[in-house]
Amino acid sequence: MARGDVVDETGMLLRDGGGFVLHRDRGGRWRLDLSRVPVDLVGKRVRVAGIEAGDDLVDVDGVQPG
């Protein structure tokens, strides 16, 4: 994928230091830039939609149970 590409992925939402990551169902992970902290979804399978902002970083538009 390249910067600006649409991201629509499922996986496990986890905390990583002071931020959040998505461990993708297809392997690998995304670091997530979130405007709203989905505390109730941490440790659960979710779907993340957003735009790739660079080096494994997604500018997230939405997170929902997946």
PDB file of N, CA and C in Angstrom:
ATOM      1  N   MET A   1       0.840  -1.185   0.000  1.00  0.00           N
ATOM      2  CA  MET A   1       0.000   0.000   0.000  1.00  0.00           C
ATOM      3  C   MET A   1       0.885   1.248   0.000  1.00  0.00           C
ATOM      4  N   ALA A   2       0.284   2.350  -0.371  1.00  0.00           N
ATOM      5  CA  ALA A   2       1.014   3.613  -0.443  1.00  0.00           C
ATOM      6  C   ALA A   2       0.259   4.691   0.317  1.00  0.00           C
ATOM      7  N   ARG A   3       0.993   5.714   0.697  1.00  0.00           N
ATOM      8  CA  ARG A   3       0.378   6.851   1.390  1.00  0.00           C
ATOM      9  C   ARG A   3      -0.839   7.341   0.613  1.00  0.00           C
ATOM     10  N   GLY A   4      -1.939   7.548   1.344  1.00  0.00           N
ATOM     11  CA  GLY A   4      -3.173   8.015   0.730  1.00  0.00           C
ATOM     12  C   GLY A   4      -4.127   6.904   0.330  1.00  0.00           C
ATOM     13  N   ASP A   5      -3.668   5.637   0.357  1.00  0.00           N
ATOM     14  CA  ASP A   5      -4.540   4.514   0.022  1.00  0.00           C
ATOM     15  C   ASP A   5      -5.596   4.316   1.111  1.00  0.00           C
ATOM     16  N   VAL A   6      -6.761   3.853   0.703  1.00  0.00           N
ATOM     17  CA  VAL A   6      -7.839   3.544   1.640  1.00  0.00           C
ATOM     18  C   VAL A   6      -7.498   2.247   2.367  1.00  0.00           C
ATOM     19  N   VAL A   7      -7.694   2.248   3.682  1.00  0.00           N
ATOM     20  CA  VAL A   7      -7.460   1.067   4.514  1.00  0.00           C
ATOM     21  C   VAL A   7      -8.799   0.609   5.081  1.00  0.00           C
ATOM     22  N   ASP A   8      -9.092  -0.665   4.916  1.00  0.00           N
ATOM     23  CA  ASP A   8     -10.281  -1.296   5.498  1.00  0.00           C
ATOM     24  C   ASP A   8      -9.839  -2.681   5.936  1.00  0.00           C
ATOM     25  N   GLU A   9      -9.476  -2.817   7.210  1.00  0.00           N
ATOM     26  CA  GLU A   9      -8.845  -4.033   7.724  1.00  0.00           C
ATOM     27  C   GLU A   9      -9.535  -4.516   8.984  1.00  0.00           C
ATOM     28  N   THR A  10      -9.454  -5.813   9.215  1.00  0.00           N
ATOM     29  CA  THR A  10      -9.923  -6.394  10.463  1.00  0.00           C
ATOM     30  C   THR A  10      -8.746  -6.982  11.214  1.00  0.00           C
ATOM     31  N   GLY A  11      -8.894  -7.045  12.537  1.00  0.00           N
ATOM     32  CA  GLY A  11      -7.850  -7.621  13.367  1.00  0.00           C
ATOM     33  C   GLY A  11      -8.118  -7.331  14.836  1.00  0.00           C
ATOM     34  N   MET A  12      -7.087  -7.519  15.651  1.00  0.00           N
ATOM     35  CA  MET A  12      -7.189  -7.333  17.094  1.00  0.00           C
ATOM     36  C   MET A  12      -6.656  -5.944  17.454  1.00  0.00           C
ATOM     37  N   LEU A  13      -7.466  -5.160  18.158  1.00  0.00           N
ATOM     38  CA  LEU A  13      -7.076  -3.822  18.614  1.00  0.00           C
ATOM     39  C   LEU A  13      -6.359  -3.951  19.952  1.00  0.00           C
ATOM     40  N   LEU A  14      -5.121  -3.461  20.007  1.00  0.00           N
ATOM     41  CA  LEU A  14      -4.323  -3.555  21.223  1.00  0.00           C
ATOM     42  C   LEU A  14      -3.661  -2.222  21.537  1.00  0.00           C
ATOM     43  N   ARG A  15      -3.364  -2.020  22.814  1.00  0.00           N
ATOM     44  CA  ARG A  15      -2.579  -0.853  23.234  1.00  0.00           C
ATOM     45  C   ARG A  15      -1.107  -1.124  22.926  1.00  0.00           C
ATOM     46  N   ASP A  16      -0.389  -0.059  22.613  1.00  0.00           N
ATOM     47  CA  ASP A  16       1.053  -0.161  22.370  1.00  0.00           C
ATOM     48  C   ASP A  16       1.684   1.096  22.933  1.00  0.00           C
ATOM     49  N   GLY A  17       2.211   1.005  24.143  1.00  0.00           N
ATOM     50  CA  GLY A  17       2.749   2.193  24.802  1.00  0.00           C
ATOM     51  C   GLY A  17       1.630   3.186  25.022  1.00  0.00           C
ATOM     52  N   GLY A  18       1.773   4.395  24.481  1.00  0.00           N
ATOM     53  CA  GLY A  18       0.757   5.432  24.635  1.00  0.00           C
ATOM     54  C   GLY A  18      -0.241   5.460  23.505  1.00  0.00           C
ATOM     55  N   GLY A  19      -0.181   4.469  22.596  1.00  0.00           N
ATOM     56  CA  GLY A  19      -1.070   4.473  21.444  1.00  0.00           C
ATOM     57  C   GLY A  19      -1.776   3.143  21.254  1.00  0.00           C
ATOM     58  N   PHE A  20      -2.258   2.935  20.034  1.00  0.00           N
ATOM     59  CA  PHE A  20      -2.994   1.724  19.695  1.00  0.00           C
ATOM     60  C   PHE A  20      -2.463   1.152  18.393  1.00  0.00           C
ATOM     61  N   VAL A  21      -2.562  -0.170  18.269  1.00  0.00           N
ATOM     62  CA  VAL A  21      -2.188  -0.857  17.035  1.00  0.00           C
ATOM     63  C   VAL A  21      -3.283  -1.850  16.671  1.00  0.00           C
ATOM     64  N   LEU A  22      -3.354  -2.161  15.392  1.00  0.00           N
ATOM     65  CA  LEU A  22      -4.232  -3.205  14.894  1.00  0.00           C
ATOM     66  C   LEU A  22      -3.335  -4.343  14.430  1.00  0.00           C
ATOM     67  N   HIS A  23      -3.447  -5.500  15.087  1.00  0.00           N
ATOM     68  CA  HIS A  23      -2.771  -6.709  14.611  1.00  0.00           C
ATOM     69  C   HIS A  23      -3.697  -7.328  13.582  1.00  0.00           C
ATOM     70  N   ARG A  24      -3.298  -7.209  12.322  1.00  0.00           N
ATOM     71  CA  ARG A  24      -4.152  -7.553  11.190  1.00  0.00           C
ATOM     72  C   ARG A  24      -4.426  -9.051  11.089  1.00  0.00           C
ATOM     73  N   ASP A  25      -5.633  -9.403  10.684  1.00  0.00           N
ATOM     74  CA  ASP A  25      -5.977 -10.802  10.439  1.00  0.00           C
ATOM     75  C   ASP A  25      -5.084 -11.401   9.355  1.00  0.00           C
ATOM     76  N   ARG A  26      -4.661 -10.577   8.395  1.00  0.00           N
ATOM     77  CA  ARG A  26      -3.830 -11.048   7.276  1.00  0.00           C
ATOM     78  C   ARG A  26      -2.344 -11.026   7.597  1.00  0.00           C
ATOM     79  N   GLY A  27      -2.008 -10.700   8.829  1.00  0.00           N
ATOM     80  CA  GLY A  27      -0.602 -10.624   9.219  1.00  0.00           C
ATOM     81  C   GLY A  27      -0.108  -9.189   9.206  1.00  0.00           C
ATOM     82  N   GLY A  28       0.851  -8.902  10.040  1.00  0.00           N
ATOM     83  CA  GLY A  28       1.394  -7.556  10.155  1.00  0.00           C
ATOM     84  C   GLY A  28       0.564  -6.717  11.111  1.00  0.00           C
ATOM     85  N   ARG A  29       0.906  -5.450  11.166  1.00  0.00           N
ATOM     86  CA  ARG A  29       0.176  -4.562  12.062  1.00  0.00           C
ATOM     87  C   ARG A  29       0.168  -3.152  11.515  1.00  0.00           C
ATOM     88  N   TRP A  30      -0.813  -2.398  11.945  1.00  0.00           N
ATOM     89  CA  TRP A  30      -0.921  -0.968  11.650  1.00  0.00           C
ATOM     90  C   TRP A  30      -0.826  -0.202  12.964  1.00  0.00           C
ATOM     91  N   ARG A  31      -0.085   0.879  12.986  1.00  0.00           N
ATOM     92  CA  ARG A  31      -0.176   1.852  14.081  1.00  0.00           C
ATOM     93  C   ARG A  31      -1.363   2.735  13.747  1.00  0.00           C
ATOM     94  N   LEU A  32      -2.125   3.127  14.769  1.00  0.00           N
ATOM     95  CA  LEU A  32      -3.365   3.853  14.520  1.00  0.00           C
ATOM     96  C   LEU A  32      -3.328   5.264  15.088  1.00  0.00           C
ATOM     97  N   ASP A  33      -3.682   6.228  14.254  1.00  0.00           N
ATOM     98  CA  ASP A  33      -3.842   7.620  14.679  1.00  0.00           C
ATOM     99  C   ASP A  33      -5.340   7.835  14.861  1.00  0.00           C
ATOM    100  N   LEU A  34      -5.772   7.856  16.133  1.00  0.00           N
ATOM    101  CA  LEU A  34      -7.199   7.895  16.465  1.00  0.00           C
ATOM    102  C   LEU A  34      -7.590   9.232  17.067  1.00  0.00           C
ATOM    103  N   SER A  35      -8.731   9.776  16.647  1.00  0.00           N
ATOM    104  CA  SER A  35      -9.240  10.994  17.271  1.00  0.00           C
ATOM    105  C   SER A  35     -10.085  10.651  18.496  1.00  0.00           C
ATOM    106  N   ARG A  36     -10.657   9.447  18.507  1.00  0.00           N
ATOM    107  CA  ARG A  36     -11.458   8.972  19.637  1.00  0.00           C
ATOM    108  C   ARG A  36     -10.834   7.670  20.116  1.00  0.00           C
ATOM    109  N   VAL A  37     -10.666   7.527  21.403  1.00  0.00           N
ATOM    110  CA  VAL A  37     -10.042   6.334  21.968  1.00  0.00           C
ATOM    111  C   VAL A  37     -11.117   5.275  22.241  1.00  0.00           C
ATOM    112  N   PRO A  38     -11.068   4.157  21.509  1.00  0.00           N
ATOM    113  CA  PRO A  38     -12.094   3.119  21.643  1.00  0.00           C
ATOM    114  C   PRO A  38     -11.762   2.132  22.774  1.00  0.00           C
ATOM    115  N   VAL A  39     -11.723   2.619  24.004  1.00  0.00           N
ATOM    116  CA  VAL A  39     -11.288   1.816  25.152  1.00  0.00           C
ATOM    117  C   VAL A  39     -12.108   0.535  25.283  1.00  0.00           C
ATOM    118  N   ASP A  40     -13.388   0.592  24.991  1.00  0.00           N
ATOM    119  CA  ASP A  40     -14.252  -0.585  25.127  1.00  0.00           C
ATOM    120  C   ASP A  40     -13.950  -1.674  24.103  1.00  0.00           C
ATOM    121  N   LEU A  41     -13.177  -1.355  23.054  1.00  0.00           N
ATOM    122  CA  LEU A  41     -12.860  -2.325  22.009  1.00  0.00           C
ATOM    123  C   LEU A  41     -11.442  -2.892  22.124  1.00  0.00           C
ATOM    124  N   VAL A  42     -10.646  -2.416  23.073  1.00  0.00           N
ATOM    125  CA  VAL A  42      -9.273  -2.906  23.233  1.00  0.00           C
ATOM    126  C   VAL A  42      -9.310  -4.384  23.603  1.00  0.00           C
ATOM    127  N   GLY A  43      -8.481  -5.164  22.910  1.00  0.00           N
ATOM    128  CA  GLY A  43      -8.418  -6.599  23.151  1.00  0.00           C
ATOM    129  C   GLY A  43      -9.467  -7.386  22.394  1.00  0.00           C
ATOM    130  N   LYS A  44     -10.200  -6.706  21.502  1.00  0.00           N
ATOM    131  CA  LYS A  44     -11.262  -7.358  20.735  1.00  0.00           C
ATOM    132  C   LYS A  44     -10.976  -7.259  19.238  1.00  0.00           C
ATOM    133  N   ARG A  45     -11.669  -8.105  18.482  1.00  0.00           N
ATOM    134  CA  ARG A  45     -11.561  -8.072  17.029  1.00  0.00           C
ATOM    135  C   ARG A  45     -12.394  -6.901  16.522  1.00  0.00           C
ATOM    136  N   VAL A  46     -11.785  -6.079  15.650  1.00  0.00           N
ATOM    137  CA  VAL A  46     -12.439  -4.881  15.138  1.00  0.00           C
ATOM    138  C   VAL A  46     -12.201  -4.736  13.638  1.00  0.00           C
ATOM    139  N   ARG A  47     -12.959  -3.822  13.042  1.00  0.00           N
ATOM    140  CA  ARG A  47     -12.719  -3.377  11.663  1.00  0.00           C
ATOM    141  C   ARG A  47     -12.313  -1.912  11.744  1.00  0.00           C
ATOM    142  N   VAL A  48     -11.209  -1.584  11.079  1.00  0.00           N
ATOM    143  CA  VAL A  48     -10.677  -0.220  11.063  1.00  0.00           C
ATOM    144  C   VAL A  48     -10.759   0.306   9.638  1.00  0.00           C
ATOM    145  N   ALA A  49     -11.296   1.517   9.489  1.00  0.00           N
ATOM    146  CA  ALA A  49     -11.351   2.185   8.196  1.00  0.00           C
ATOM    147  C   ALA A  49     -10.601   3.500   8.307  1.00  0.00           C
ATOM    148  N   GLY A  50      -9.822   3.817   7.277  1.00  0.00           N
ATOM    149  CA  GLY A  50      -9.071   5.066   7.281  1.00  0.00           C
ATOM    150  C   GLY A  50      -8.211   5.208   6.045  1.00  0.00           C
ATOM    151  N   ILE A  51      -7.195   6.041   6.172  1.00  0.00           N
ATOM    152  CA  ILE A  51      -6.282   6.348   5.071  1.00  0.00           C
ATOM    153  C   ILE A  51      -4.849   6.097   5.553  1.00  0.00           C
ATOM    154  N   GLU A  52      -4.057   5.425   4.712  1.00  0.00           N
ATOM    155  CA  GLU A  52      -2.658   5.208   5.077  1.00  0.00           C
ATOM    156  C   GLU A  52      -1.933   6.552   5.105  1.00  0.00           C
ATOM    157  N   ALA A  53      -1.318   6.846   6.252  1.00  0.00           N
ATOM    158  CA  ALA A  53      -0.636   8.124   6.441  1.00  0.00           C
ATOM    159  C   ALA A  53       0.883   7.983   6.358  1.00  0.00           C
ATOM    160  N   GLY A  54       1.369   6.774   6.107  1.00  0.00           N
ATOM    161  CA  GLY A  54       2.807   6.529   6.000  1.00  0.00           C
ATOM    162  C   GLY A  54       3.236   5.382   6.887  1.00  0.00           C
ATOM    163  N   ASP A  55       4.429   4.868   6.645  1.00  0.00           N
ATOM    164  CA  ASP A  55       5.079   3.790   7.389  1.00  0.00           C
ATOM    165  C   ASP A  55       4.209   3.073   8.430  1.00  0.00           C
ATOM    166  N   ASP A  56       3.315   2.236   7.961  1.00  0.00           N
ATOM    167  CA  ASP A  56       2.458   1.410   8.830  1.00  0.00           C
ATOM    168  C   ASP A  56       1.567   2.226   9.748  1.00  0.00           C
ATOM    169  N   LEU A  57       1.224   3.446   9.353  1.00  0.00           N
ATOM    170  CA  LEU A  57       0.366   4.322  10.153  1.00  0.00           C
ATOM    171  C   LEU A  57      -0.928   4.591   9.402  1.00  0.00           C
ATOM    172  N   VAL A  58      -2.054   4.443  10.112  1.00  0.00           N
ATOM    173  CA  VAL A  58      -3.367   4.716   9.521  1.00  0.00           C
ATOM    174  C   VAL A  58      -4.010   5.888  10.245  1.00  0.00           C
ATOM    175  N   ASP A  59      -4.455   6.876   9.470  1.00  0.00           N
ATOM    176  CA  ASP A  59      -5.271   7.972   9.994  1.00  0.00           C
ATOM    177  C   ASP A  59      -6.700   7.434   9.998  1.00  0.00           C
ATOM    178  N   VAL A  60      -7.180   7.067  11.182  1.00  0.00           N
ATOM    179  CA  VAL A  60      -8.426   6.300  11.314  1.00  0.00           C
ATOM    180  C   VAL A  60      -9.656   7.193  11.224  1.00  0.00           C
ATOM    181  N   ASP A  61     -10.603   6.762  10.369  1.00  0.00           N
ATOM    182  CA  ASP A  61     -11.917   7.411  10.261  1.00  0.00           C
ATOM    183  C   ASP A  61     -12.926   6.749  11.188  1.00  0.00           C
ATOM    184  N   GLY A  62     -12.762   5.427  11.391  1.00  0.00           N
ATOM    185  CA  GLY A  62     -13.714   4.716  12.239  1.00  0.00           C
ATOM    186  C   GLY A  62     -13.215   3.370  12.700  1.00  0.00           C
ATOM    187  N   VAL A  63     -13.675   2.957  13.877  1.00  0.00           N
ATOM    188  CA  VAL A  63     -13.389   1.640  14.444  1.00  0.00           C
ATOM    189  C   VAL A  63     -14.718   1.067  14.906  1.00  0.00           C
ATOM    190  N   GLN A  64     -14.986  -0.176  14.500  1.00  0.00           N
ATOM    191  CA  GLN A  64     -16.222  -0.830  14.933  1.00  0.00           C
ATOM    192  C   GLN A  64     -15.935  -2.298  15.225  1.00  0.00           C
ATOM    193  N   PRO A  65     -16.781  -2.928  16.018  1.00  0.00           N
ATOM    194  CA  PRO A  65     -16.589  -4.361  16.271  1.00  0.00           C
ATOM    195  C   PRO A  65     -16.550  -5.104  14.941  1.00  0.00           C
ATOM    196  N   GLY A  66     -15.660  -6.065  14.849  1.00  0.00           N
ATOM    197  CA  GLY A  66     -15.504  -6.754  13.574  1.00  0.00           C
ATOM    198  C   GLY A  66     -15.662  -8.205  13.669  1.00  0.00           C
TER     199      GLY A  66
END
